[in-house]
């Protein structure tokens, strides 16, 4: 039982307005129900989708679903940090820290300028479980980052994975930009490689 108490204390320390009811199996953060999920299961779902509808369609479906999750999580982070505007570095860094607490790997801002933001993800649970691939596979992470970006900027954003550990890269890299700028930015980024 002490490990449950340790878990409860760690969650309550990291997130404000948290309740964990062990007997009922309910974890709520800022009144939003939160569930823990195995990355093996997520990748299994992803691979089944790829078999059913193809790699590209499965990737887009996961991207769009997790983009919504990113917008929802951005709102949750902003309420937790208790700031009025989401466009603060404190909110973004807190969001990246919360991702790490949830065991989605270590997310960092790798590069930032007016046209794009590059995120580096070390130890992606998707790439690790997925195994070797000739294409980038971290569609859920790409979606969360895209959704966060839309929430934090209040504008439509797209996210492209330009490096992926499943392809043999050292880490995963995601580029976020305005939707209309993304094709040119992605081409330039990929040409650098």
N, C-alpha and C. Protein backbone atom coordinates (compact mmCIF):
# COMPACT_ATOMS: atom_id res chain seq x y z
N UNK A 1 0.81 -1.20 0.00
CA UNK A 1 0.00 0.00 0.00
C UNK A 1 0.86 1.27 0.00
N UNK A 2 2.09 1.16 0.51
CA UNK A 2 2.92 2.36 0.55
C UNK A 2 3.26 2.85 -0.85
N UNK A 3 3.38 1.93 -1.82
CA UNK A 3 3.66 2.37 -3.19
C UNK A 3 2.48 3.17 -3.75
N UNK A 4 1.27 2.81 -3.38
CA UNK A 4 0.08 3.58 -3.79
C UNK A 4 0.13 4.96 -3.15
N UNK A 5 0.50 5.02 -1.88
CA UNK A 5 0.61 6.32 -1.21
C UNK A 5 1.71 7.17 -1.83
N UNK A 6 2.84 6.54 -2.21
CA UNK A 6 3.92 7.27 -2.88
C UNK A 6 3.44 7.83 -4.21
N UNK A 7 2.72 7.00 -4.97
CA UNK A 7 2.18 7.44 -6.25
C UNK A 7 1.22 8.60 -6.05
N UNK A 8 0.33 8.48 -5.10
CA UNK A 8 -0.65 9.54 -4.83
C UNK A 8 0.06 10.84 -4.45
N UNK A 9 1.04 10.76 -3.59
CA UNK A 9 1.78 11.97 -3.17
C UNK A 9 2.51 12.60 -4.36
N UNK A 10 3.11 11.77 -5.20
CA UNK A 10 3.85 12.30 -6.36
C UNK A 10 2.89 13.01 -7.32
N UNK A 11 1.75 12.44 -7.58
CA UNK A 11 0.77 13.07 -8.48
C UNK A 11 0.26 14.37 -7.86
N UNK A 12 -0.09 14.33 -6.59
CA UNK A 12 -0.62 15.52 -5.93
C UNK A 12 0.43 16.63 -5.85
N UNK A 13 1.70 16.27 -5.72
CA UNK A 13 2.77 17.27 -5.68
C UNK A 13 2.95 17.92 -7.05
N UNK A 14 2.80 17.14 -8.11
CA UNK A 14 3.04 17.64 -9.46
C UNK A 14 1.87 18.42 -10.03
N UNK A 15 0.67 18.02 -9.69
CA UNK A 15 -0.53 18.65 -10.25
C UNK A 15 -1.37 19.24 -9.13
N UNK A 16 -1.89 20.42 -9.36
CA UNK A 16 -2.80 21.04 -8.41
C UNK A 16 -4.20 20.44 -8.63
N UNK A 17 -5.04 20.53 -7.61
CA UNK A 17 -6.43 20.04 -7.70
C UNK A 17 -6.50 18.61 -8.23
N UNK A 18 -5.79 17.72 -7.55
CA UNK A 18 -5.73 16.32 -7.94
C UNK A 18 -6.42 15.47 -6.90
N UNK A 19 -7.16 14.47 -7.37
CA UNK A 19 -7.73 13.50 -6.44
C UNK A 19 -7.53 12.10 -7.02
N UNK A 20 -7.10 11.20 -6.16
CA UNK A 20 -6.91 9.81 -6.56
C UNK A 20 -7.67 8.94 -5.59
N UNK A 21 -8.66 8.23 -6.10
CA UNK A 21 -9.47 7.33 -5.30
C UNK A 21 -9.07 5.90 -5.66
N UNK A 22 -8.19 5.34 -4.87
CA UNK A 22 -7.69 3.99 -5.14
C UNK A 22 -8.81 2.97 -5.16
N UNK A 23 -9.73 3.06 -4.19
CA UNK A 23 -10.82 2.08 -4.10
C UNK A 23 -11.70 2.07 -5.34
N UNK A 24 -11.93 3.24 -5.92
CA UNK A 24 -12.79 3.34 -7.11
C UNK A 24 -11.99 3.30 -8.41
N UNK A 25 -10.65 3.44 -8.31
CA UNK A 25 -9.82 3.44 -9.51
C UNK A 25 -10.01 4.69 -10.35
N UNK A 26 -10.08 5.86 -9.68
CA UNK A 26 -10.33 7.12 -10.38
C UNK A 26 -9.24 8.13 -10.02
N UNK A 27 -8.58 8.64 -11.06
CA UNK A 27 -7.61 9.71 -10.91
C UNK A 27 -8.16 10.92 -11.66
N UNK A 28 -8.30 12.04 -10.96
CA UNK A 28 -8.77 13.28 -11.59
C UNK A 28 -7.76 14.38 -11.35
N UNK A 29 -7.48 15.12 -12.41
CA UNK A 29 -6.62 16.28 -12.34
C UNK A 29 -7.43 17.46 -12.87
N UNK A 30 -7.62 18.48 -12.03
CA UNK A 30 -8.46 19.63 -12.41
C UNK A 30 -9.82 19.16 -12.92
N UNK A 31 -10.41 18.20 -12.25
CA UNK A 31 -11.74 17.64 -12.57
C UNK A 31 -11.79 16.89 -13.90
N UNK A 32 -10.64 16.66 -14.54
CA UNK A 32 -10.59 15.84 -15.76
C UNK A 32 -10.10 14.45 -15.38
N UNK A 33 -10.83 13.44 -15.81
CA UNK A 33 -10.44 12.07 -15.50
C UNK A 33 -9.21 11.69 -16.33
N UNK A 34 -8.27 11.08 -15.67
CA UNK A 34 -6.99 10.73 -16.29
C UNK A 34 -6.80 9.23 -16.18
N UNK A 35 -6.36 8.59 -17.28
CA UNK A 35 -6.09 7.15 -17.25
C UNK A 35 -4.66 6.91 -17.71
N UNK A 36 -4.03 5.94 -17.10
CA UNK A 36 -2.69 5.53 -17.50
C UNK A 36 -2.85 4.42 -18.53
N UNK A 37 -1.98 4.39 -19.53
CA UNK A 37 -2.15 3.48 -20.66
C UNK A 37 -0.79 2.94 -21.06
N UNK A 38 -0.68 1.66 -21.35
CA UNK A 38 0.58 1.06 -21.77
C UNK A 38 0.93 1.47 -23.19
N UNK A 39 2.19 1.84 -23.41
CA UNK A 39 2.61 2.20 -24.77
C UNK A 39 2.53 0.99 -25.69
N UNK A 40 2.72 -0.21 -25.16
CA UNK A 40 2.56 -1.43 -25.97
C UNK A 40 1.16 -1.50 -26.58
N UNK A 41 0.17 -1.16 -25.77
CA UNK A 41 -1.22 -1.19 -26.24
C UNK A 41 -1.45 -0.13 -27.31
N UNK A 42 -0.92 1.06 -27.08
CA UNK A 42 -1.08 2.14 -28.05
C UNK A 42 -0.44 1.77 -29.39
N UNK A 43 0.75 1.22 -29.36
CA UNK A 43 1.43 0.83 -30.59
C UNK A 43 0.70 -0.34 -31.26
N UNK A 44 0.16 -1.25 -30.47
CA UNK A 44 -0.61 -2.36 -31.03
C UNK A 44 -1.84 -1.83 -31.79
N UNK A 45 -2.52 -0.86 -31.20
CA UNK A 45 -3.66 -0.22 -31.87
C UNK A 45 -3.19 0.45 -33.16
N UNK A 46 -2.07 1.17 -33.08
CA UNK A 46 -1.54 1.86 -34.24
C UNK A 46 -1.23 0.87 -35.37
N UNK A 47 -0.57 -0.23 -35.05
CA UNK A 47 -0.21 -1.21 -36.08
C UNK A 47 -1.45 -1.89 -36.67
N UNK A 48 -2.46 -2.14 -35.85
CA UNK A 48 -3.71 -2.71 -36.38
C UNK A 48 -4.39 -1.73 -37.33
N UNK A 49 -4.38 -0.45 -36.95
CA UNK A 49 -4.95 0.57 -37.84
C UNK A 49 -4.19 0.60 -39.16
N UNK A 50 -2.86 0.52 -39.08
CA UNK A 50 -2.05 0.52 -40.31
C UNK A 50 -2.42 -0.65 -41.21
N UNK A 51 -2.66 -1.81 -40.62
CA UNK A 51 -3.06 -2.98 -41.40
C UNK A 51 -4.45 -2.81 -42.02
N UNK A 52 -5.33 -2.14 -41.31
CA UNK A 52 -6.71 -1.96 -41.80
C UNK A 52 -6.85 -0.87 -42.85
N UNK A 53 -6.21 0.28 -42.60
CA UNK A 53 -6.45 1.42 -43.49
C UNK A 53 -5.18 1.94 -44.17
N UNK A 54 -4.03 1.36 -43.86
CA UNK A 54 -2.78 1.81 -44.44
C UNK A 54 -2.02 2.74 -43.51
N UNK A 55 -0.72 2.83 -43.74
CA UNK A 55 0.16 3.60 -42.88
C UNK A 55 -0.23 5.08 -42.83
N UNK A 56 -0.43 5.69 -43.99
CA UNK A 56 -0.72 7.13 -44.05
C UNK A 56 -2.04 7.47 -43.38
N UNK A 57 -3.10 6.71 -43.67
CA UNK A 57 -4.41 6.99 -43.09
C UNK A 57 -4.40 6.78 -41.58
N UNK A 58 -3.75 5.70 -41.13
CA UNK A 58 -3.65 5.45 -39.69
C UNK A 58 -2.89 6.59 -39.01
N UNK A 59 -1.79 7.02 -39.63
CA UNK A 59 -1.02 8.12 -39.07
C UNK A 59 -1.84 9.40 -38.94
N UNK A 60 -2.63 9.70 -39.96
CA UNK A 60 -3.45 10.92 -39.93
C UNK A 60 -4.56 10.81 -38.88
N UNK A 61 -5.19 9.64 -38.77
CA UNK A 61 -6.23 9.46 -37.75
C UNK A 61 -5.67 9.63 -36.34
N UNK A 62 -4.53 9.01 -36.08
CA UNK A 62 -3.90 9.14 -34.77
C UNK A 62 -3.46 10.58 -34.51
N UNK A 63 -2.89 11.20 -35.53
CA UNK A 63 -2.45 12.59 -35.41
C UNK A 63 -3.61 13.50 -35.03
N UNK A 64 -4.72 13.38 -35.75
CA UNK A 64 -5.87 14.25 -35.47
C UNK A 64 -6.48 13.96 -34.10
N UNK A 65 -6.56 12.69 -33.72
CA UNK A 65 -7.12 12.35 -32.40
C UNK A 65 -6.25 12.91 -31.28
N UNK A 66 -4.95 12.75 -31.42
CA UNK A 66 -4.06 13.24 -30.38
C UNK A 66 -3.86 14.75 -30.44
N UNK A 67 -4.15 15.35 -31.56
CA UNK A 67 -4.13 16.82 -31.64
C UNK A 67 -5.21 17.37 -30.71
N UNK A 68 -6.37 16.74 -30.73
CA UNK A 68 -7.43 17.14 -29.81
C UNK A 68 -6.99 16.92 -28.36
N UNK A 69 -6.32 15.81 -28.11
CA UNK A 69 -5.80 15.54 -26.77
C UNK A 69 -4.79 16.62 -26.35
N UNK A 70 -3.98 17.08 -27.28
CA UNK A 70 -3.01 18.14 -26.98
C UNK A 70 -3.68 19.45 -26.62
N UNK A 71 -4.75 19.79 -27.35
CA UNK A 71 -5.49 21.02 -27.01
C UNK A 71 -6.12 20.91 -25.62
N UNK A 72 -6.69 19.75 -25.32
CA UNK A 72 -7.31 19.52 -24.00
C UNK A 72 -6.24 19.59 -22.91
N UNK A 73 -5.10 18.96 -23.15
CA UNK A 73 -4.02 18.97 -22.16
C UNK A 73 -3.47 20.38 -21.96
N UNK A 74 -3.36 21.14 -23.04
CA UNK A 74 -2.91 22.52 -22.92
C UNK A 74 -3.81 23.33 -22.01
N UNK A 75 -5.10 23.15 -22.17
CA UNK A 75 -6.07 23.83 -21.31
C UNK A 75 -5.90 23.40 -19.86
N UNK A 76 -5.70 22.11 -19.64
CA UNK A 76 -5.49 21.59 -18.29
C UNK A 76 -4.23 22.18 -17.66
N UNK A 77 -3.16 22.25 -18.42
CA UNK A 77 -1.90 22.82 -17.91
C UNK A 77 -2.11 24.28 -17.54
N UNK A 78 -2.78 25.03 -18.40
CA UNK A 78 -2.99 26.44 -18.12
C UNK A 78 -3.81 26.63 -16.84
N UNK A 79 -4.82 25.80 -16.63
CA UNK A 79 -5.62 25.90 -15.40
C UNK A 79 -4.78 25.53 -14.19
N UNK A 80 -3.91 24.53 -14.35
CA UNK A 80 -3.06 24.09 -13.25
C UNK A 80 -2.06 25.16 -12.86
N UNK A 81 -1.45 25.79 -13.86
CA UNK A 81 -0.45 26.83 -13.60
C UNK A 81 -1.12 28.12 -13.13
N UNK A 82 -2.40 28.25 -13.45
CA UNK A 82 -3.20 29.41 -13.03
C UNK A 82 -2.66 30.73 -13.59
N UNK A 83 -2.56 30.79 -14.91
CA UNK A 83 -2.19 32.03 -15.58
C UNK A 83 -3.32 32.40 -16.52
N UNK A 84 -3.35 33.66 -16.92
CA UNK A 84 -4.42 34.15 -17.78
C UNK A 84 -4.16 33.90 -19.26
N UNK A 85 -2.90 33.88 -19.65
CA UNK A 85 -2.58 33.71 -21.07
C UNK A 85 -1.72 32.47 -21.27
N UNK A 86 -2.05 31.67 -22.30
CA UNK A 86 -1.25 30.47 -22.53
C UNK A 86 0.09 30.76 -23.20
N UNK A 87 0.30 31.99 -23.67
CA UNK A 87 1.53 32.30 -24.43
C UNK A 87 2.67 32.72 -23.50
N UNK A 88 2.95 31.90 -22.50
CA UNK A 88 4.07 32.19 -21.62
C UNK A 88 5.01 30.99 -21.61
N UNK A 89 6.28 31.26 -21.47
CA UNK A 89 7.26 30.18 -21.45
C UNK A 89 7.03 29.30 -20.23
N UNK A 90 6.55 29.87 -19.14
CA UNK A 90 6.27 29.09 -17.93
C UNK A 90 5.23 28.02 -18.21
N UNK A 91 4.19 28.35 -18.94
CA UNK A 91 3.15 27.37 -19.26
C UNK A 91 3.70 26.28 -20.17
N UNK A 92 4.47 26.68 -21.17
CA UNK A 92 5.02 25.70 -22.10
C UNK A 92 6.00 24.76 -21.40
N UNK A 93 6.88 25.30 -20.58
CA UNK A 93 7.82 24.45 -19.85
C UNK A 93 7.11 23.55 -18.86
N UNK A 94 6.05 24.04 -18.23
CA UNK A 94 5.25 23.20 -17.33
C UNK A 94 4.60 22.07 -18.12
N UNK A 95 4.09 22.37 -19.30
CA UNK A 95 3.49 21.33 -20.15
C UNK A 95 4.52 20.25 -20.47
N UNK A 96 5.74 20.65 -20.82
CA UNK A 96 6.79 19.69 -21.15
C UNK A 96 7.15 18.85 -19.92
N UNK A 97 7.14 19.48 -18.75
CA UNK A 97 7.42 18.74 -17.52
C UNK A 97 6.31 17.74 -17.22
N UNK A 98 5.06 18.13 -17.42
CA UNK A 98 3.93 17.21 -17.19
C UNK A 98 4.00 16.01 -18.12
N UNK A 99 4.45 16.23 -19.35
CA UNK A 99 4.61 15.13 -20.29
C UNK A 99 5.63 14.12 -19.75
N UNK A 100 6.72 14.62 -19.20
CA UNK A 100 7.75 13.75 -18.64
C UNK A 100 7.20 12.96 -17.46
N UNK A 101 6.42 13.62 -16.60
CA UNK A 101 5.82 12.94 -15.45
C UNK A 101 4.92 11.80 -15.92
N UNK A 102 4.26 11.98 -17.06
CA UNK A 102 3.37 10.96 -17.59
C UNK A 102 4.12 9.86 -18.35
N UNK A 103 5.45 9.94 -18.38
CA UNK A 103 6.33 8.91 -18.95
C UNK A 103 6.28 8.84 -20.48
N UNK A 104 6.06 10.00 -21.13
CA UNK A 104 6.07 10.06 -22.60
C UNK A 104 7.46 10.43 -23.11
N UNK A 105 8.48 10.27 -22.31
CA UNK A 105 9.84 10.63 -22.69
C UNK A 105 10.16 12.05 -22.26
N UNK A 106 11.34 12.51 -22.63
CA UNK A 106 11.75 13.88 -22.28
C UNK A 106 11.58 14.77 -23.50
N UNK A 107 10.71 15.76 -23.41
CA UNK A 107 10.43 16.69 -24.50
C UNK A 107 11.13 18.00 -24.20
N UNK A 108 11.80 18.55 -25.22
CA UNK A 108 12.54 19.80 -25.06
C UNK A 108 12.26 20.71 -26.26
N UNK A 109 12.39 21.99 -26.05
CA UNK A 109 12.36 22.91 -27.17
C UNK A 109 13.77 22.93 -27.74
N UNK A 110 13.90 22.51 -28.99
CA UNK A 110 15.20 22.43 -29.63
C UNK A 110 15.58 23.69 -30.36
N UNK A 111 14.58 24.38 -30.88
CA UNK A 111 14.84 25.56 -31.70
C UNK A 111 13.54 26.36 -31.77
N UNK A 112 13.68 27.66 -31.79
CA UNK A 112 12.50 28.51 -31.89
C UNK A 112 12.83 29.75 -32.69
N UNK A 113 11.97 30.08 -33.63
CA UNK A 113 12.02 31.39 -34.30
C UNK A 113 10.59 31.76 -34.66
N UNK A 114 10.42 32.85 -35.32
CA UNK A 114 9.06 33.36 -35.63
C UNK A 114 8.27 32.41 -36.52
N UNK A 115 8.95 31.60 -37.33
CA UNK A 115 8.22 30.77 -38.29
C UNK A 115 7.95 29.35 -37.79
N UNK A 116 8.75 28.88 -36.81
CA UNK A 116 8.59 27.48 -36.39
C UNK A 116 9.15 27.27 -34.99
N UNK A 117 8.73 26.14 -34.42
CA UNK A 117 9.31 25.64 -33.18
C UNK A 117 9.69 24.18 -33.43
N UNK A 118 10.88 23.82 -33.00
CA UNK A 118 11.34 22.44 -33.13
C UNK A 118 11.39 21.83 -31.74
N UNK A 119 10.73 20.69 -31.60
CA UNK A 119 10.74 19.96 -30.35
C UNK A 119 11.58 18.70 -30.52
N UNK A 120 12.40 18.42 -29.53
CA UNK A 120 13.20 17.20 -29.49
C UNK A 120 12.56 16.29 -28.44
N UNK A 121 12.31 15.06 -28.83
CA UNK A 121 11.74 14.08 -27.91
C UNK A 121 12.75 12.94 -27.76
N UNK A 122 13.23 12.80 -26.55
CA UNK A 122 14.18 11.72 -26.26
C UNK A 122 13.39 10.58 -25.61
N UNK A 123 13.71 9.37 -25.99
CA UNK A 123 13.09 8.17 -25.42
C UNK A 123 11.59 8.11 -25.66
N UNK A 124 11.19 8.32 -26.91
CA UNK A 124 9.78 8.21 -27.28
C UNK A 124 9.27 6.80 -26.99
N UNK A 125 8.18 6.68 -26.22
CA UNK A 125 7.64 5.35 -25.96
C UNK A 125 7.06 4.71 -27.23
N UNK A 126 6.63 5.52 -28.17
CA UNK A 126 6.08 4.99 -29.42
C UNK A 126 7.20 4.37 -30.25
N UNK A 127 8.26 5.13 -30.49
CA UNK A 127 9.38 4.63 -31.30
C UNK A 127 10.01 3.40 -30.66
N UNK A 128 10.15 3.42 -29.34
CA UNK A 128 10.78 2.30 -28.64
C UNK A 128 9.99 1.00 -28.84
N UNK A 129 8.70 1.06 -28.65
CA UNK A 129 7.86 -0.13 -28.74
C UNK A 129 7.60 -0.52 -30.19
N UNK A 130 7.48 0.47 -31.08
CA UNK A 130 7.17 0.19 -32.48
C UNK A 130 8.25 -0.67 -33.13
N UNK A 131 9.49 -0.39 -32.83
CA UNK A 131 10.59 -1.12 -33.45
C UNK A 131 11.06 -0.42 -34.72
N UNK A 132 11.89 -1.08 -35.49
CA UNK A 132 12.47 -0.48 -36.70
C UNK A 132 11.40 -0.16 -37.73
N UNK A 133 11.62 0.99 -38.36
CA UNK A 133 10.70 1.44 -39.41
C UNK A 133 11.49 2.29 -40.40
N UNK A 134 11.02 2.34 -41.63
CA UNK A 134 11.66 3.22 -42.61
C UNK A 134 10.98 4.59 -42.64
N UNK A 135 9.93 4.76 -41.83
CA UNK A 135 9.21 6.04 -41.74
C UNK A 135 9.02 6.44 -40.28
N UNK A 136 8.79 7.71 -40.06
CA UNK A 136 8.51 8.22 -38.71
C UNK A 136 7.18 7.63 -38.23
N UNK A 137 7.12 7.24 -36.95
CA UNK A 137 5.96 6.51 -36.44
C UNK A 137 5.28 7.16 -35.24
N UNK A 138 5.80 8.26 -34.74
CA UNK A 138 5.29 8.83 -33.49
C UNK A 138 4.09 9.76 -33.72
N UNK A 139 3.06 9.25 -34.37
CA UNK A 139 1.88 10.06 -34.70
C UNK A 139 1.17 10.62 -33.46
N UNK A 140 1.02 9.83 -32.37
CA UNK A 140 0.37 10.41 -31.18
C UNK A 140 1.15 11.59 -30.61
N UNK A 141 2.46 11.49 -30.55
CA UNK A 141 3.27 12.59 -30.03
C UNK A 141 3.17 13.80 -30.96
N UNK A 142 3.23 13.55 -32.24
CA UNK A 142 3.10 14.62 -33.24
C UNK A 142 1.76 15.35 -33.04
N UNK A 143 0.70 14.58 -32.79
CA UNK A 143 -0.61 15.18 -32.56
C UNK A 143 -0.67 16.01 -31.30
N UNK A 144 -0.12 15.48 -30.21
CA UNK A 144 -0.13 16.23 -28.94
C UNK A 144 0.62 17.54 -29.10
N UNK A 145 1.79 17.49 -29.74
CA UNK A 145 2.56 18.72 -29.94
C UNK A 145 1.78 19.71 -30.81
N UNK A 146 1.18 19.22 -31.89
CA UNK A 146 0.38 20.10 -32.75
C UNK A 146 -0.80 20.71 -31.99
N UNK A 147 -1.46 19.90 -31.17
CA UNK A 147 -2.59 20.40 -30.38
C UNK A 147 -2.17 21.41 -29.33
N UNK A 148 -1.06 21.11 -28.65
CA UNK A 148 -0.51 22.08 -27.69
C UNK A 148 -0.23 23.41 -28.40
N UNK A 149 0.42 23.32 -29.55
CA UNK A 149 0.78 24.53 -30.29
C UNK A 149 -0.46 25.32 -30.67
N UNK A 150 -1.50 24.64 -31.11
CA UNK A 150 -2.74 25.36 -31.45
C UNK A 150 -3.35 26.01 -30.22
N UNK A 151 -3.35 25.29 -29.11
CA UNK A 151 -3.91 25.87 -27.90
C UNK A 151 -3.10 27.08 -27.44
N UNK A 152 -1.78 26.94 -27.42
CA UNK A 152 -0.92 28.00 -26.89
C UNK A 152 -0.89 29.23 -27.80
N UNK A 153 -1.03 29.06 -29.11
CA UNK A 153 -0.97 30.20 -30.02
C UNK A 153 -2.34 30.74 -30.39
N UNK A 154 -3.36 29.90 -30.28
CA UNK A 154 -4.70 30.30 -30.71
C UNK A 154 -4.84 30.31 -32.23
N UNK A 155 -3.90 29.69 -32.93
CA UNK A 155 -3.90 29.62 -34.40
C UNK A 155 -3.76 28.18 -34.85
N UNK A 156 -4.18 27.92 -36.07
CA UNK A 156 -4.03 26.58 -36.65
C UNK A 156 -2.55 26.28 -36.86
N UNK A 157 -2.12 25.11 -36.39
CA UNK A 157 -0.73 24.68 -36.51
C UNK A 157 -0.70 23.24 -37.04
N UNK A 158 0.40 22.92 -37.70
CA UNK A 158 0.65 21.55 -38.13
C UNK A 158 1.99 21.12 -37.56
N UNK A 159 2.17 19.82 -37.43
CA UNK A 159 3.39 19.27 -36.87
C UNK A 159 3.87 18.12 -37.75
N UNK A 160 5.16 18.11 -38.05
CA UNK A 160 5.78 17.07 -38.86
C UNK A 160 6.93 16.46 -38.06
N UNK A 161 7.03 15.13 -38.09
CA UNK A 161 8.16 14.46 -37.45
C UNK A 161 9.27 14.31 -38.48
N UNK A 162 10.38 14.99 -38.25
CA UNK A 162 11.49 14.99 -39.21
C UNK A 162 12.59 13.99 -38.87
N UNK A 163 12.68 13.61 -37.61
CA UNK A 163 13.60 12.56 -37.18
C UNK A 163 12.81 11.60 -36.31
N UNK A 164 13.16 10.31 -36.37
CA UNK A 164 12.45 9.33 -35.55
C UNK A 164 13.42 8.24 -35.11
N UNK A 165 13.40 7.95 -33.84
CA UNK A 165 14.28 6.92 -33.30
C UNK A 165 13.97 5.55 -33.92
N UNK A 166 12.73 5.32 -34.33
CA UNK A 166 12.38 4.05 -34.98
C UNK A 166 13.08 3.91 -36.33
N UNK A 167 13.46 5.04 -36.95
CA UNK A 167 14.20 5.02 -38.22
C UNK A 167 15.71 4.93 -38.00
N UNK A 168 16.13 4.90 -36.75
CA UNK A 168 17.55 4.82 -36.45
C UNK A 168 18.17 6.14 -36.04
N UNK A 169 17.37 7.21 -36.00
CA UNK A 169 17.89 8.51 -35.55
C UNK A 169 18.16 8.46 -34.05
N UNK A 170 18.97 9.38 -33.57
CA UNK A 170 19.34 9.43 -32.15
C UNK A 170 18.16 9.79 -31.26
N UNK A 171 17.23 10.56 -31.77
CA UNK A 171 16.06 11.00 -31.03
C UNK A 171 14.96 11.32 -32.06
N UNK A 172 13.80 11.68 -31.58
CA UNK A 172 12.72 12.11 -32.46
C UNK A 172 12.69 13.64 -32.47
N UNK A 173 12.34 14.20 -33.61
CA UNK A 173 12.29 15.66 -33.76
C UNK A 173 10.99 16.02 -34.46
N UNK A 174 10.34 17.06 -33.95
CA UNK A 174 9.06 17.50 -34.47
C UNK A 174 9.13 18.99 -34.77
N UNK A 175 8.68 19.38 -35.94
CA UNK A 175 8.65 20.78 -36.33
C UNK A 175 7.20 21.23 -36.37
N UNK A 176 6.93 22.35 -35.70
CA UNK A 176 5.57 22.91 -35.65
C UNK A 176 5.60 24.28 -36.30
N UNK A 177 4.61 24.53 -37.16
CA UNK A 177 4.52 25.83 -37.83
C UNK A 177 3.07 26.07 -38.23
N UNK A 178 2.80 27.29 -38.67
CA UNK A 178 1.48 27.59 -39.21
C UNK A 178 1.22 26.64 -40.38
N UNK A 179 -0.01 26.23 -40.54
CA UNK A 179 -0.36 25.25 -41.57
C UNK A 179 0.10 25.68 -42.96
N UNK A 180 -0.07 26.97 -43.28
CA UNK A 180 0.30 27.44 -44.61
C UNK A 180 1.82 27.50 -44.83
N UNK A 181 2.60 27.57 -43.75
CA UNK A 181 4.05 27.62 -43.86
C UNK A 181 4.71 26.24 -43.81
N UNK A 182 3.97 25.25 -43.34
CA UNK A 182 4.56 23.94 -43.07
C UNK A 182 5.18 23.26 -44.29
N UNK A 183 4.55 23.23 -45.45
CA UNK A 183 5.18 22.51 -46.57
C UNK A 183 6.60 23.01 -46.87
N UNK A 184 6.79 24.30 -46.95
CA UNK A 184 8.12 24.85 -47.26
C UNK A 184 9.11 24.59 -46.13
N UNK A 185 8.68 24.77 -44.88
CA UNK A 185 9.55 24.53 -43.74
C UNK A 185 9.96 23.07 -43.67
N UNK A 186 9.02 22.16 -43.88
CA UNK A 186 9.33 20.72 -43.83
C UNK A 186 10.31 20.34 -44.94
N UNK A 187 10.11 20.85 -46.13
CA UNK A 187 11.02 20.56 -47.24
C UNK A 187 12.43 21.05 -46.90
N UNK A 188 12.54 22.28 -46.42
CA UNK A 188 13.85 22.83 -46.06
C UNK A 188 14.52 22.00 -44.97
N UNK A 189 13.74 21.60 -43.98
CA UNK A 189 14.28 20.83 -42.86
C UNK A 189 14.76 19.46 -43.33
N UNK A 190 13.97 18.81 -44.15
CA UNK A 190 14.34 17.49 -44.64
C UNK A 190 15.53 17.54 -45.59
N UNK A 191 15.63 18.62 -46.38
CA UNK A 191 16.77 18.78 -47.29
C UNK A 191 18.07 18.94 -46.51
N UNK A 192 18.03 19.55 -45.33
CA UNK A 192 19.22 19.72 -44.49
C UNK A 192 19.77 18.36 -44.07
N UNK A 193 18.90 17.39 -43.97
CA UNK A 193 19.31 16.06 -43.50
C UNK A 193 20.04 15.35 -44.61
